[in-house]
Amino acid sequence: MALKIKILSPAGMVYYGEVAHVTFPGQAGSFSVYPLHAPILSTLVKGDIVCYPSAGEVEKITVQSGFVEVKNDHITVCVEQLTEQNHKNHNHG
């Protein structure tokens, strides 16, 4: 079972794909989301979003701030600003 995730910034799509789980930099500390996670809406702080696909390489996306919504195994992330290293698209569909 996989989670569908999309990460958006004002510049466009940053990451889109399926992951086994993902870790976020939350206001109260980092937290992970796995399949069948309860619905959640949370703010994000400066740190790394780490996507763990079922197969393939782990992707690390460094963000300044944003928010994440998890609902029915779909994750939508909106970030305000990325670090310079993240100005490439990561599509893993």
PDB file of N, CA and C in Angstrom:
ATOM      1  N   MET A   1       0.843  -1.174   0.000  1.00  0.00           N
ATOM      2  CA  MET A   1       0.000   0.000   0.000  1.00  0.00           C
ATOM      3  C   MET A   1       0.892   1.241   0.000  1.00  0.00           C
ATOM      4  N   ALA A   2       0.571   2.203  -0.837  1.00  0.00           N
ATOM      5  CA  ALA A   2       1.406   3.394  -0.972  1.00  0.00           C
ATOM      6  C   ALA A   2       0.588   4.660  -0.755  1.00  0.00           C
ATOM      7  N   LEU A   3       1.311   5.713  -0.425  1.00  0.00           N
ATOM      8  CA  LEU A   3       0.723   7.037  -0.287  1.00  0.00           C
ATOM      9  C   LEU A   3       1.000   7.829  -1.564  1.00  0.00           C
ATOM     10  N   LYS A   4       0.052   8.613  -1.991  1.00  0.00           N
ATOM     11  CA  LYS A   4       0.269   9.511  -3.128  1.00  0.00           C
ATOM     12  C   LYS A   4       0.596  10.883  -2.554  1.00  0.00           C
ATOM     13  N   ILE A   5       1.693  11.476  -3.019  1.00  0.00           N
ATOM     14  CA  ILE A   5       2.128  12.759  -2.489  1.00  0.00           C
ATOM     15  C   ILE A   5       2.412  13.737  -3.620  1.00  0.00           C
ATOM     16  N   LYS A   6       2.027  14.990  -3.393  1.00  0.00           N
ATOM     17  CA  LYS A   6       2.450  16.055  -4.294  1.00  0.00           C
ATOM     18  C   LYS A   6       2.899  17.229  -3.440  1.00  0.00           C
ATOM     19  N   ILE A   7       4.028  17.786  -3.842  1.00  0.00           N
ATOM     20  CA  ILE A   7       4.603  18.936  -3.149  1.00  0.00           C
ATOM     21  C   ILE A   7       4.618  20.092  -4.132  1.00  0.00           C
ATOM     22  N   LEU A   8       3.972  21.180  -3.739  1.00  0.00           N
ATOM     23  CA  LEU A   8       3.833  22.350  -4.599  1.00  0.00           C
ATOM     24  C   LEU A   8       4.512  23.563  -3.982  1.00  0.00           C
ATOM     25  N   SER A   9       5.061  24.413  -4.843  1.00  0.00           N
ATOM     26  CA  SER A   9       5.604  25.694  -4.423  1.00  0.00           C
ATOM     27  C   SER A   9       5.031  26.756  -5.356  1.00  0.00           C
ATOM     28  N   PRO A  10       5.234  28.038  -5.062  1.00  0.00           N
ATOM     29  CA  PRO A  10       4.743  29.064  -5.977  1.00  0.00           C
ATOM     30  C   PRO A  10       5.307  28.912  -7.401  1.00  0.00           C
ATOM     31  N   ALA A  11       6.461  28.293  -7.521  1.00  0.00           N
ATOM     32  CA  ALA A  11       7.078  28.085  -8.835  1.00  0.00           C
ATOM     33  C   ALA A  11       6.503  26.884  -9.578  1.00  0.00           C
ATOM     34  N   GLY A  12       5.717  26.041  -8.912  1.00  0.00           N
ATOM     35  CA  GLY A  12       5.117  24.877  -9.564  1.00  0.00           C
ATOM     36  C   GLY A  12       5.306  23.597  -8.780  1.00  0.00           C
ATOM     37  N   MET A  13       5.110  22.474  -9.470  1.00  0.00           N
ATOM     38  CA  MET A  13       5.226  21.154  -8.856  1.00  0.00           C
ATOM     39  C   MET A  13       6.690  20.864  -8.515  1.00  0.00           C
ATOM     40  N   VAL A  14       6.937  20.458  -7.284  1.00  0.00           N
ATOM     41  CA  VAL A  14       8.279  20.134  -6.831  1.00  0.00           C
ATOM     42  C   VAL A  14       8.487  18.623  -6.833  1.00  0.00           C
ATOM     43  N   TYR A  15       7.476  17.888  -6.389  1.00  0.00           N
ATOM     44  CA  TYR A  15       7.578  16.429  -6.294  1.00  0.00           C
ATOM     45  C   TYR A  15       6.194  15.843  -6.456  1.00  0.00           C
ATOM     46  N   TYR A  16       6.125  14.734  -7.181  1.00  0.00           N
ATOM     47  CA  TYR A  16       4.862  14.014  -7.341  1.00  0.00           C
ATOM     48  C   TYR A  16       5.189  12.538  -7.446  1.00  0.00           C
ATOM     49  N   GLY A  17       4.491  11.714  -6.680  1.00  0.00           N
ATOM     50  CA  GLY A  17       4.733  10.287  -6.792  1.00  0.00           C
ATOM     51  C   GLY A  17       4.084   9.494  -5.682  1.00  0.00           C
ATOM     52  N   GLU A  18       4.484   8.230  -5.592  1.00  0.00           N
ATOM     53  CA  GLU A  18       3.994   7.338  -4.544  1.00  0.00           C
ATOM     54  C   GLU A  18       5.145   7.024  -3.608  1.00  0.00           C
ATOM     55  N   VAL A  19       4.831   7.001  -2.322  1.00  0.00           N
ATOM     56  CA  VAL A  19       5.847   6.719  -1.310  1.00  0.00           C
ATOM     57  C   VAL A  19       5.309   5.706  -0.304  1.00  0.00           C
ATOM     58  N   ALA A  20       6.219   4.973   0.318  1.00  0.00           N
ATOM     59  CA  ALA A  20       5.841   4.047   1.386  1.00  0.00           C
ATOM     60  C   ALA A  20       5.557   4.825   2.660  1.00  0.00           C
ATOM     61  N   HIS A  21       6.377   5.849   2.905  1.00  0.00           N
ATOM     62  CA  HIS A  21       6.138   6.785   4.000  1.00  0.00           C
ATOM     63  C   HIS A  21       6.948   8.045   3.760  1.00  0.00           C
ATOM     64  N   VAL A  22       6.670   9.079   4.541  1.00  0.00           N
ATOM     65  CA  VAL A  22       7.343  10.368   4.376  1.00  0.00           C
ATOM     66  C   VAL A  22       7.485  11.017   5.749  1.00  0.00           C
ATOM     67  N   THR A  23       8.580  11.756   5.935  1.00  0.00           N
ATOM     68  CA  THR A  23       8.840  12.456   7.181  1.00  0.00           C
ATOM     69  C   THR A  23       8.842  13.959   6.918  1.00  0.00           C
ATOM     70  N   PHE A  24       8.224  14.714   7.827  1.00  0.00           N
ATOM     71  CA  PHE A  24       8.080  16.164   7.688  1.00  0.00           C
ATOM     72  C   PHE A  24       8.703  16.899   8.873  1.00  0.00           C
ATOM     73  N   PRO A  25       9.192  18.139   8.641  1.00  0.00           N
ATOM     74  CA  PRO A  25       9.681  18.969   9.740  1.00  0.00           C
ATOM     75  C   PRO A  25       8.527  19.777  10.336  1.00  0.00           C
ATOM     76  N   GLY A  26       7.917  19.291  11.374  1.00  0.00           N
ATOM     77  CA  GLY A  26       6.758  19.944  11.979  1.00  0.00           C
ATOM     78  C   GLY A  26       7.148  20.955  13.044  1.00  0.00           C
ATOM     79  N   GLN A  27       6.223  21.808  13.379  1.00  0.00           N
ATOM     80  CA  GLN A  27       6.438  22.852  14.399  1.00  0.00           C
ATOM     81  C   GLN A  27       6.879  22.251  15.737  1.00  0.00           C
ATOM     82  N   ALA A  28       6.299  21.131  16.138  1.00  0.00           N
ATOM     83  CA  ALA A  28       6.625  20.505  17.423  1.00  0.00           C
ATOM     84  C   ALA A  28       7.683  19.402  17.277  1.00  0.00           C
ATOM     85  N   GLY A  29       8.287  19.284  16.111  1.00  0.00           N
ATOM     86  CA  GLY A  29       9.279  18.246  15.852  1.00  0.00           C
ATOM     87  C   GLY A  29       8.925  17.473  14.597  1.00  0.00           C
ATOM     88  N   SER A  30       9.837  16.663  14.120  1.00  0.00           N
ATOM     89  CA  SER A  30       9.563  15.913  12.892  1.00  0.00           C
ATOM     90  C   SER A  30       8.532  14.822  13.158  1.00  0.00           C
ATOM     91  N   PHE A  31       7.770  14.496  12.118  1.00  0.00           N
ATOM     92  CA  PHE A  31       6.771  13.434  12.225  1.00  0.00           C
ATOM     93  C   PHE A  31       6.693  12.692  10.901  1.00  0.00           C
ATOM     94  N   SER A  32       6.274  11.439  10.975  1.00  0.00           N
ATOM     95  CA  SER A  32       6.171  10.592   9.785  1.00  0.00           C
ATOM     96  C   SER A  32       4.722  10.238   9.504  1.00  0.00           C
ATOM     97  N   VAL A  33       4.442  10.029   8.227  1.00  0.00           N
ATOM     98  CA  VAL A  33       3.111   9.624   7.780  1.00  0.00           C
ATOM     99  C   VAL A  33       3.252   8.305   7.035  1.00  0.00           C
ATOM    100  N   TYR A  34       2.424   7.342   7.422  1.00  0.00           N
ATOM    101  CA  TYR A  34       2.383   6.020   6.806  1.00  0.00           C
ATOM    102  C   TYR A  34       0.984   5.788   6.245  1.00  0.00           C
ATOM    103  N   PRO A  35       0.808   4.776   5.380  1.00  0.00           N
ATOM    104  CA  PRO A  35      -0.540   4.477   4.874  1.00  0.00           C
ATOM    105  C   PRO A  35      -1.544   4.306   6.019  1.00  0.00           C
ATOM    106  N   LEU A  36      -2.774   4.694   5.756  1.00  0.00           N
ATOM    107  CA  LEU A  36      -3.901   4.647   6.688  1.00  0.00           C
ATOM    108  C   LEU A  36      -3.760   5.641   7.840  1.00  0.00           C
ATOM    109  N   HIS A  37      -2.919   6.640   7.668  1.00  0.00           N
ATOM    110  CA  HIS A  37      -2.749   7.675   8.690  1.00  0.00           C
ATOM    111  C   HIS A  37      -4.056   8.450   8.858  1.00  0.00           C
ATOM    112  N   ALA A  38      -4.348   8.869  10.067  1.00  0.00           N
ATOM    113  CA  ALA A  38      -5.529   9.697  10.323  1.00  0.00           C
ATOM    114  C   ALA A  38      -5.392  11.027   9.583  1.00  0.00           C
ATOM    115  N   PRO A  39      -6.512  11.632   9.176  1.00  0.00           N
ATOM    116  CA  PRO A  39      -6.441  12.943   8.525  1.00  0.00           C
ATOM    117  C   PRO A  39      -5.733  13.953   9.439  1.00  0.00           C
ATOM    118  N   ILE A  40      -4.915  14.800   8.823  1.00  0.00           N
ATOM    119  CA  ILE A  40      -4.148  15.781   9.587  1.00  0.00           C
ATOM    120  C   ILE A  40      -3.868  16.989   8.709  1.00  0.00           C
ATOM    121  N   LEU A  41      -3.802  18.142   9.336  1.00  0.00           N
ATOM    122  CA  LEU A  41      -3.362  19.381   8.699  1.00  0.00           C
ATOM    123  C   LEU A  41      -2.322  19.961   9.646  1.00  0.00           C
ATOM    124  N   SER A  42      -1.107  20.223   9.150  1.00  0.00           N
ATOM    125  CA  SER A  42      -0.028  20.675  10.022  1.00  0.00           C
ATOM    126  C   SER A  42       0.835  21.701   9.323  1.00  0.00           C
ATOM    127  N   THR A  43       1.389  22.618  10.110  1.00  0.00           N
ATOM    128  CA  THR A  43       2.355  23.570   9.566  1.00  0.00           C
ATOM    129  C   THR A  43       3.727  22.919   9.528  1.00  0.00           C
ATOM    130  N   LEU A  44       4.548  23.411   8.613  1.00  0.00           N
ATOM    131  CA  LEU A  44       5.915  22.921   8.476  1.00  0.00           C
ATOM    132  C   LEU A  44       6.886  24.060   8.767  1.00  0.00           C
ATOM    133  N   VAL A  45       8.035  23.720   9.309  1.00  0.00           N
ATOM    134  CA  VAL A  45       9.088  24.687   9.585  1.00  0.00           C
ATOM    135  C   VAL A  45      10.307  24.338   8.732  1.00  0.00           C
ATOM    136  N   LYS A  46      11.343  25.156   8.836  1.00  0.00           N
ATOM    137  CA  LYS A  46      12.554  24.919   8.067  1.00  0.00           C
ATOM    138  C   LYS A  46      13.112  23.533   8.384  1.00  0.00           C
ATOM    139  N   GLY A  47      13.381  22.778   7.338  1.00  0.00           N
ATOM    140  CA  GLY A  47      13.913  21.429   7.510  1.00  0.00           C
ATOM    141  C   GLY A  47      13.722  20.616   6.249  1.00  0.00           C
ATOM    142  N   ASP A  48      13.844  19.316   6.387  1.00  0.00           N
ATOM    143  CA  ASP A  48      13.782  18.408   5.237  1.00  0.00           C
ATOM    144  C   ASP A  48      12.496  17.596   5.227  1.00  0.00           C
ATOM    145  N   ILE A  49      11.873  17.538   4.060  1.00  0.00           N
ATOM    146  CA  ILE A  49      10.826  16.556   3.794  1.00  0.00           C
ATOM    147  C   ILE A  49      11.559  15.371   3.182  1.00  0.00           C
ATOM    148  N   VAL A  50      11.409  14.197   3.782  1.00  0.00           N
ATOM    149  CA  VAL A  50      12.116  13.017   3.292  1.00  0.00           C
ATOM    150  C   VAL A  50      11.088  12.002   2.803  1.00  0.00           C
ATOM    151  N   CYS A  51      11.131  11.727   1.497  1.00  0.00           N
ATOM    152  CA  CYS A  51      10.195  10.794   0.855  1.00  0.00           C
ATOM    153  C   CYS A  51      10.874   9.447   0.679  1.00  0.00           C
ATOM    154  N   TYR A  52      10.225   8.403   1.176  1.00  0.00           N
ATOM    155  CA  TYR A  52      10.736   7.033   1.103  1.00  0.00           C
ATOM    156  C   TYR A  52       9.869   6.234   0.147  1.00  0.00           C
ATOM    157  N   PRO A  53      10.256   6.139  -1.128  1.00  0.00           N
ATOM    158  CA  PRO A  53       9.454   5.355  -2.061  1.00  0.00           C
ATOM    159  C   PRO A  53       9.548   3.861  -1.770  1.00  0.00           C
ATOM    160  N   SER A  54       8.571   3.108  -2.268  1.00  0.00           N
ATOM    161  CA  SER A  54       8.593   1.656  -2.085  1.00  0.00           C
ATOM    162  C   SER A  54       9.824   1.049  -2.733  1.00  0.00           C
ATOM    163  N   ALA A  55      10.236   1.621  -3.845  1.00  0.00           N
ATOM    164  CA  ALA A  55      11.442   1.187  -4.549  1.00  0.00           C
ATOM    165  C   ALA A  55      12.151   2.441  -5.049  1.00  0.00           C
ATOM    166  N   GLY A  56      13.442   2.407  -5.085  1.00  0.00           N
ATOM    167  CA  GLY A  56      14.186   3.561  -5.572  1.00  0.00           C
ATOM    168  C   GLY A  56      14.832   4.339  -4.447  1.00  0.00           C
ATOM    169  N   GLU A  57      15.404   5.472  -4.810  1.00  0.00           N
ATOM    170  CA  GLU A  57      16.170   6.274  -3.871  1.00  0.00           C
ATOM    171  C   GLU A  57      15.300   7.182  -3.019  1.00  0.00           C
ATOM    172  N   VAL A  58      15.738   7.383  -1.806  1.00  0.00           N
ATOM    173  CA  VAL A  58      15.092   8.326  -0.896  1.00  0.00           C
ATOM    174  C   VAL A  58      15.319   9.734  -1.437  1.00  0.00           C
ATOM    175  N   GLU A  59      14.285  10.561  -1.402  1.00  0.00           N
ATOM    176  CA  GLU A  59      14.372  11.944  -1.863  1.00  0.00           C
ATOM    177  C   GLU A  59      14.269  12.881  -0.674  1.00  0.00           C
ATOM    178  N   LYS A  60      15.192  13.829  -0.577  1.00  0.00           N
ATOM    179  CA  LYS A  60      15.180  14.814   0.494  1.00  0.00           C
ATOM    180  C   LYS A  60      14.948  16.189  -0.124  1.00  0.00           C
ATOM    181  N   ILE A  61      13.910  16.882   0.338  1.00  0.00           N
ATOM    182  CA  ILE A  61      13.566  18.204  -0.175  1.00  0.00           C
ATOM    183  C   ILE A  61      13.590  19.182   1.000  1.00  0.00           C
ATOM    184  N   THR A  62      14.494  20.139   0.948  1.00  0.00           N
ATOM    185  CA  THR A  62      14.652  21.096   2.033  1.00  0.00           C
ATOM    186  C   THR A  62      13.725  22.282   1.811  1.00  0.00           C
ATOM    187  N   VAL A  63      12.944  22.610   2.834  1.00  0.00           N
ATOM    188  CA  VAL A  63      11.968  23.700   2.738  1.00  0.00           C
ATOM    189  C   VAL A  63      12.193  24.709   3.858  1.00  0.00           C
ATOM    190  N   GLN A  64      11.671  25.909   3.651  1.00  0.00           N
ATOM    191  CA  GLN A  64      11.746  26.958   4.665  1.00  0.00           C
ATOM    192  C   GLN A  64      10.503  26.938   5.553  1.00  0.00           C
ATOM    193  N   SER A  65       9.333  26.750   4.931  1.00  0.00           N
ATOM    194  CA  SER A  65       8.073  26.713   5.676  1.00  0.00           C
ATOM    195  C   SER A  65       6.973  26.215   4.747  1.00  0.00           C
ATOM    196  N   GLY A  66       5.787  25.960   5.324  1.00  0.00           N
ATOM    197  CA  GLY A  66       4.657  25.514   4.523  1.00  0.00           C
ATOM    198  C   GLY A  66       3.643  24.789   5.377  1.00  0.00           C
ATOM    199  N   PHE A  67       2.805  23.989   4.703  1.00  0.00           N
ATOM    200  CA  PHE A  67       1.844  23.163   5.433  1.00  0.00           C
ATOM    201  C   PHE A  67       1.596  21.874   4.674  1.00  0.00           C
ATOM    202  N   VAL A  68       1.068  20.891   5.386  1.00  0.00           N
ATOM    203  CA  VAL A  68       0.797  19.576   4.806  1.00  0.00           C
ATOM    204  C   VAL A  68      -0.605  19.148   5.201  1.00  0.00           C
ATOM    205  N   GLU A  69      -1.312  18.522   4.252  1.00  0.00           N
ATOM    206  CA  GLU A  69      -2.617  17.925   4.521  1.00  0.00           C
ATOM    207  C   GLU A  69      -2.547  16.457   4.144  1.00  0.00           C
ATOM    208  N   VAL A  70      -3.008  15.605   5.046  1.00  0.00           N
ATOM    209  CA  VAL A  70      -3.074  14.159   4.803  1.00  0.00           C
ATOM    210  C   VAL A  70      -4.527  13.757   4.902  1.00  0.00           C
ATOM    211  N   LYS A  71      -5.023  13.078   3.864  1.00  0.00           N
ATOM    212  CA  LYS A  71      -6.414  12.627   3.855  1.00  0.00           C
ATOM    213  C   LYS A  71      -6.548  11.469   2.880  1.00  0.00           C
ATOM    214  N   ASN A  72      -7.053  10.343   3.364  1.00  0.00           N
ATOM    215  CA  ASN A  72      -7.300   9.154   2.534  1.00  0.00           C
ATOM    216  C   ASN A  72      -6.074   8.721   1.731  1.00  0.00           C
ATOM    217  N   ASP A  73      -4.931   8.647   2.386  1.00  0.00           N
ATOM    218  CA  ASP A  73      -3.674   8.230   1.760  1.00  0.00           C
ATOM    219  C   ASP A  73      -3.205   9.155   0.639  1.00  0.00           C
ATOM    220  N   HIS A  74      -3.704  10.385   0.606  1.00  0.00           N
ATOM    221  CA  HIS A  74      -3.229  11.413  -0.314  1.00  0.00           C
ATOM    222  C   HIS A  74      -2.620  12.534   0.520  1.00  0.00           C
ATOM    223  N   ILE A  75      -1.432  12.944   0.146  1.00  0.00           N
ATOM    224  CA  ILE A  75      -0.723  13.994   0.873  1.00  0.00           C
ATOM    225  C   ILE A  75      -0.512  15.167  -0.074  1.00  0.00           C
ATOM    226  N   THR A  76      -0.930  16.339   0.365  1.00  0.00           N
ATOM    227  CA  THR A  76      -0.689  17.564  -0.388  1.00  0.00           C
ATOM    228  C   THR A  76       0.155  18.474   0.484  1.00  0.00           C
ATOM    229  N   VAL A  77       1.262  18.933  -0.073  1.00  0.00           N
ATOM    230  CA  VAL A  77       2.169  19.803   0.657  1.00  0.00           C
ATOM    231  C   VAL A  77       2.321  21.100  -0.130  1.00  0.00           C
ATOM    232  N   CYS A  78       2.153  22.230   0.546  1.00  0.00           N
ATOM    233  CA  CYS A  78       2.392  23.535  -0.054  1.00  0.00           C
ATOM    234  C   CYS A  78       3.541  24.177   0.704  1.00  0.00           C
ATOM    235  N   VAL A  79       4.590  24.518  -0.014  1.00  0.00           N
ATOM    236  CA  VAL A  79       5.753  25.143   0.610  1.00  0.00           C
ATOM    237  C   VAL A  79       5.929  26.540   0.040  1.00  0.00           C
ATOM    238  N   GLU A  80       6.340  27.456   0.898  1.00  0.00           N
ATOM    239  CA  GLU A  80       6.511  28.836   0.465  1.00  0.00           C
ATOM    240  C   GLU A  80       7.837  29.051  -0.236  1.00  0.00           C
ATOM    241  N   GLN A  81       8.872  28.403   0.235  1.00  0.00           N
ATOM    242  CA  GLN A  81      10.192  28.644  -0.313  1.00  0.00           C
ATOM    243  C   GLN A  81      11.029  27.387  -0.213  1.00  0.00           C
ATOM    244  N   LEU A  82      11.780  27.132  -1.265  1.00  0.00           N
ATOM    245  CA  LEU A  82      12.700  25.997  -1.289  1.00  0.00           C
ATOM    246  C   LEU A  82      14.117  26.510  -1.201  1.00  0.00           C
ATOM    247  N   THR A  83      15.033  25.663  -0.809  1.00  0.00           N
ATOM    248  CA  THR A  83      16.433  26.041  -0.884  1.00  0.00           C
ATOM    249  C   THR A  83      16.878  25.902  -2.338  1.00  0.00           C
ATOM    250  N   GLU A  84      17.989  26.480  -2.676  1.00  0.00           N
ATOM    251  CA  GLU A  84      18.473  26.491  -4.058  1.00  0.00           C
ATOM    252  C   GLU A  84      18.650  25.089  -4.641  1.00  0.00           C
ATOM    253  N   GLN A  85      19.030  24.121  -3.807  1.00  0.00           N
ATOM    254  CA  GLN A  85      19.284  22.766  -4.309  1.00  0.00           C
ATOM    255  C   GLN A  85      18.021  22.070  -4.793  1.00  0.00           C
ATOM    256  N   ASN A  86      16.842  22.613  -4.492  1.00  0.00           N
ATOM    257  CA  ASN A  86      15.599  21.937  -4.829  1.00  0.00           C
ATOM    258  C   ASN A  86      14.889  22.500  -6.054  1.00  0.00           C
ATOM    259  N   HIS A  87      15.560  23.264  -6.856  1.00  0.00           N
ATOM    260  CA  HIS A  87      14.898  23.871  -8.001  1.00  0.00           C
ATOM    261  C   HIS A  87      14.858  22.948  -9.213  1.00  0.00           C
ATOM    262  N   LYS A  88      14.679  21.664  -8.976  1.00  0.00           N
ATOM    263  CA  LYS A  88      14.470  20.706 -10.046  1.00  0.00           C
ATOM    264  C   LYS A  88      13.228  19.892  -9.710  1.00  0.00           C
ATOM    265  N   ASN A  89      12.576  19.374 -10.708  1.00  0.00           N
ATOM    266  CA  ASN A  89      11.357  18.580 -10.479  1.00  0.00           C
ATOM    267  C   ASN A  89      11.728  17.151 -10.125  1.00  0.00           C
ATOM    268  N   HIS A  90      10.994  16.581  -9.187  1.00  0.00           N
ATOM    269  CA  HIS A  90      11.126  15.170  -8.791  1.00  0.00           C
ATOM    270  C   HIS A  90       9.790  14.520  -9.085  1.00  0.00           C
ATOM    271  N   ASN A  91       9.694  13.791 -10.175  1.00  0.00           N
ATOM    272  CA  ASN A  91       8.436  13.115 -10.508  1.00  0.00           C
ATOM    273  C   ASN A  91       8.660  11.617 -10.477  1.00  0.00           C
ATOM    274  N   HIS A  92       7.912  10.965  -9.613  1.00  0.00           N
ATOM    275  CA  HIS A  92       8.049   9.511  -9.443  1.00  0.00           C
ATOM    276  C   HIS A  92       6.665   8.881  -9.424  1.00  0.00           C
ATOM    277  N   GLY A  93       6.026   8.841 -10.543  1.00  0.00           N
ATOM    278  CA  GLY A  93       4.659   8.372 -10.569  1.00  0.00           C
ATOM    279  C   GLY A  93       4.559   6.968 -10.919  1.00  0.00           C
TER     280      GLY A  93
END
